[in-house]
Amino acid sequence: MSAEPALIDTNVLVYALFAERPERAASLALVESAQDPGANLVIAPQNLAEFYAVVSNPRRVSTPLSATDARVEVEKLTRLPGLRRRFSEPALSRFARPRTRQGSARRKH
């Protein structure tokens, strides 16, 4: 890999997951290269949040993942040794935790 760190785009992460995408082979090769600790790849919290949102959204992908499965995929990405992250573990849990609606009762006017 190059000496300069390379930020992996969210689309690459999504394409690597879905076999029906024509971009899958190249995307999967790049993601798999992150198995090498010297890969010098970088990912930002926004990439992981976008990845989670896309792969679990039936409007965005033909076979969406459940919230649990999407979180598992995010966690797999965070464990790749050649993929540096610019955030702490608590930041990961904030966006991938199932949300509950608080105060969802709306006022009627």
C-alpha atoms as a PDB file:
ATOM      1  CA  MET A   1       0.000   0.000   0.000  1.00  0.00           C
ATOM      2  CA  SER A   2       0.989   3.622  -0.359  1.00  0.00           C
ATOM      3  CA  ALA A   3       2.684   5.656   2.362  1.00  0.00           C
ATOM      4  CA  GLU A   4      -0.258   8.074   2.487  1.00  0.00           C
ATOM      5  CA  PRO A   5      -3.317   6.883   4.451  1.00  0.00           C
ATOM      6  CA  ALA A   6      -6.388   6.299   2.302  1.00  0.00           C
ATOM      7  CA  LEU A   7      -9.901   6.977   3.569  1.00  0.00           C
ATOM      8  CA  ILE A   8     -12.331   4.256   2.517  1.00  0.00           C
ATOM      9  CA  ASP A   9     -15.575   5.670   1.151  1.00  0.00           C
ATOM     10  CA  THR A  10     -18.882   4.390   2.509  1.00  0.00           C
ATOM     11  CA  ASN A  11     -19.899   3.142  -0.943  1.00  0.00           C
ATOM     12  CA  VAL A  12     -16.900   0.809  -1.022  1.00  0.00           C
ATOM     13  CA  LEU A  13     -17.997  -0.732   2.278  1.00  0.00           C
ATOM     14  CA  VAL A  14     -21.561  -1.195   1.012  1.00  0.00           C
ATOM     15  CA  TYR A  15     -20.518  -2.624  -2.372  1.00  0.00           C
ATOM     16  CA  ALA A  16     -18.204  -5.122  -0.657  1.00  0.00           C
ATOM     17  CA  LEU A  17     -21.158  -6.550   1.270  1.00  0.00           C
ATOM     18  CA  PHE A  18     -23.671  -7.092  -1.531  1.00  0.00           C
ATOM     19  CA  ALA A  19     -22.898  -9.698  -4.199  1.00  0.00           C
ATOM     20  CA  GLU A  20     -25.302  -8.224  -6.763  1.00  0.00           C
ATOM     21  CA  ARG A  21     -23.278  -4.999  -7.066  1.00  0.00           C
ATOM     22  CA  PRO A  22     -20.970  -4.865 -10.128  1.00  0.00           C
ATOM     23  CA  GLU A  23     -18.447  -2.958  -8.006  1.00  0.00           C
ATOM     24  CA  ARG A  24     -18.242  -5.795  -5.486  1.00  0.00           C
ATOM     25  CA  ALA A  25     -15.014  -7.457  -6.643  1.00  0.00           C
ATOM     26  CA  ALA A  26     -12.917  -4.289  -6.445  1.00  0.00           C
ATOM     27  CA  SER A  27     -14.594  -3.117  -3.233  1.00  0.00           C
ATOM     28  CA  LEU A  28     -14.216  -6.485  -1.538  1.00  0.00           C
ATOM     29  CA  ALA A  29     -10.544  -6.655  -2.530  1.00  0.00           C
ATOM     30  CA  LEU A  30      -9.916  -3.264  -0.925  1.00  0.00           C
ATOM     31  CA  VAL A  31     -11.777  -4.129   2.276  1.00  0.00           C
ATOM     32  CA  GLU A  32     -10.033  -7.505   2.477  1.00  0.00           C
ATOM     33  CA  SER A  33      -6.667  -5.767   2.065  1.00  0.00           C
ATOM     34  CA  ALA A  34      -7.354  -4.234   5.490  1.00  0.00           C
ATOM     35  CA  GLN A  35      -6.569  -7.672   6.970  1.00  0.00           C
ATOM     36  CA  ASP A  36      -2.936  -6.593   6.533  1.00  0.00           C
ATOM     37  CA  PRO A  37      -1.879  -4.342   9.439  1.00  0.00           C
ATOM     38  CA  GLY A  38       0.250  -2.339   6.999  1.00  0.00           C
ATOM     39  CA  ALA A  39      -2.651  -1.501   4.686  1.00  0.00           C
ATOM     40  CA  ASN A  40      -2.713   2.128   5.889  1.00  0.00           C
ATOM     41  CA  LEU A  41      -6.453   2.554   5.399  1.00  0.00           C
ATOM     42  CA  VAL A  42      -8.582   4.930   7.466  1.00  0.00           C
ATOM     43  CA  ILE A  43     -12.259   5.049   8.342  1.00  0.00           C
ATOM     44  CA  ALA A  44     -14.226   7.842   9.996  1.00  0.00           C
ATOM     45  CA  PRO A  45     -17.220   7.550  12.323  1.00  0.00           C
ATOM     46  CA  GLN A  46     -19.402   9.077   9.602  1.00  0.00           C
ATOM     47  CA  ASN A  47     -18.482   6.232   7.234  1.00  0.00           C
ATOM     48  CA  LEU A  48     -19.574   3.629   9.742  1.00  0.00           C
ATOM     49  CA  ALA A  49     -22.786   5.476  10.582  1.00  0.00           C
ATOM     50  CA  GLU A  50     -23.640   5.843   6.887  1.00  0.00           C
ATOM     51  CA  PHE A  51     -22.778   2.180   6.240  1.00  0.00           C
ATOM     52  CA  TYR A  52     -25.080   1.078   9.064  1.00  0.00           C
ATOM     53  CA  ALA A  53     -27.898   3.329   7.817  1.00  0.00           C
ATOM     54  CA  VAL A  54     -27.617   2.145   4.210  1.00  0.00           C
ATOM     55  CA  VAL A  55     -27.274  -1.610   4.749  1.00  0.00           C
ATOM     56  CA  SER A  56     -30.243  -1.705   7.124  1.00  0.00           C
ATOM     57  CA  ASN A  57     -32.554   0.427   4.956  1.00  0.00           C
ATOM     58  CA  PRO A  58     -34.898  -1.407   2.540  1.00  0.00           C
ATOM     59  CA  ARG A  59     -35.158   1.748   0.428  1.00  0.00           C
ATOM     60  CA  ARG A  60     -31.412   1.743  -0.186  1.00  0.00           C
ATOM     61  CA  VAL A  61     -30.541  -1.950  -0.675  1.00  0.00           C
ATOM     62  CA  SER A  62     -32.457  -4.901  -2.089  1.00  0.00           C
ATOM     63  CA  THR A  63     -31.730  -7.189   0.872  1.00  0.00           C
ATOM     64  CA  PRO A  64     -31.378  -5.030   3.983  1.00  0.00           C
ATOM     65  CA  LEU A  65     -29.744  -6.369   7.126  1.00  0.00           C
ATOM     66  CA  SER A  66     -31.462  -6.396  10.476  1.00  0.00           C
ATOM     67  CA  ALA A  67     -30.223  -3.838  12.987  1.00  0.00           C
ATOM     68  CA  THR A  68     -28.340  -6.611  14.798  1.00  0.00           C
ATOM     69  CA  ASP A  69     -26.701  -7.933  11.625  1.00  0.00           C
ATOM     70  CA  ALA A  70     -25.774  -4.414  10.505  1.00  0.00           C
ATOM     71  CA  ARG A  71     -24.106  -3.797  13.868  1.00  0.00           C
ATOM     72  CA  VAL A  72     -22.172  -7.070  13.524  1.00  0.00           C
ATOM     73  CA  GLU A  73     -20.883  -5.915  10.124  1.00  0.00           C
ATOM     74  CA  VAL A  74     -19.828  -2.554  11.599  1.00  0.00           C
ATOM     75  CA  GLU A  75     -17.994  -4.344  14.399  1.00  0.00           C
ATOM     76  CA  LYS A  76     -16.216  -6.586  11.870  1.00  0.00           C
ATOM     77  CA  LEU A  77     -14.977  -3.499  10.058  1.00  0.00           C
ATOM     78  CA  THR A  78     -13.696  -1.942  13.280  1.00  0.00           C
ATOM     79  CA  ARG A  79     -11.618  -5.058  13.991  1.00  0.00           C
ATOM     80  CA  LEU A  80      -9.711  -5.042  10.699  1.00  0.00           C
ATOM     81  CA  PRO A  81      -6.039  -4.522  11.662  1.00  0.00           C
ATOM     82  CA  GLY A  82      -5.157  -2.437   8.601  1.00  0.00           C
ATOM     83  CA  LEU A  83      -8.081  -0.053   9.036  1.00  0.00           C
ATOM     84  CA  ARG A  84      -7.287   2.796  11.417  1.00  0.00           C
ATOM     85  CA  ARG A  85     -10.144   4.465  13.189  1.00  0.00           C
ATOM     86  CA  ARG A  86     -10.335   8.063  14.358  1.00  0.00           C
ATOM     87  CA  PHE A  87     -12.677   7.543  17.299  1.00  0.00           C
ATOM     88  CA  SER A  88     -13.127   5.664  20.541  1.00  0.00           C
ATOM     89  CA  GLU A  89     -15.279   2.579  21.138  1.00  0.00           C
ATOM     90  CA  PRO A  90     -17.995   4.610  22.955  1.00  0.00           C
ATOM     91  CA  ALA A  91     -18.488   6.610  19.745  1.00  0.00           C
ATOM     92  CA  LEU A  92     -19.228   3.366  17.898  1.00  0.00           C
ATOM     93  CA  SER A  93     -21.846   2.276  20.415  1.00  0.00           C
ATOM     94  CA  ARG A  94     -23.657   5.628  20.263  1.00  0.00           C
ATOM     95  CA  PHE A  95     -24.698   5.358  16.625  1.00  0.00           C
ATOM     96  CA  ALA A  96     -25.236   1.604  16.391  1.00  0.00           C
ATOM     97  CA  ARG A  97     -27.367   1.194  19.529  1.00  0.00           C
ATOM     98  CA  PRO A  98     -31.067   0.620  18.825  1.00  0.00           C
ATOM     99  CA  ARG A  99     -32.937   3.850  19.377  1.00  0.00           C
ATOM    100  CA  THR A 100     -35.979   4.211  21.552  1.00  0.00           C
ATOM    101  CA  ARG A 101     -38.518   6.916  21.128  1.00  0.00           C
ATOM    102  CA  GLN A 102     -38.733   9.163  24.116  1.00  0.00           C
ATOM    103  CA  GLY A 103     -41.451  11.718  24.365  1.00  0.00           C
ATOM    104  CA  SER A 104     -43.038  10.497  21.169  1.00  0.00           C
ATOM    105  CA  ALA A 105     -46.501  11.698  22.129  1.00  0.00           C
ATOM    106  CA  ARG A 106     -47.312  14.676  19.966  1.00  0.00           C
ATOM    107  CA  ARG A 107     -49.387  17.589  21.049  1.00  0.00           C
ATOM    108  CA  LYS A 108     -52.638  18.018  19.229  1.00  0.00           C
ATOM    109  CA  HIS A 109     -53.437  21.564  18.287  1.00  0.00           C
END
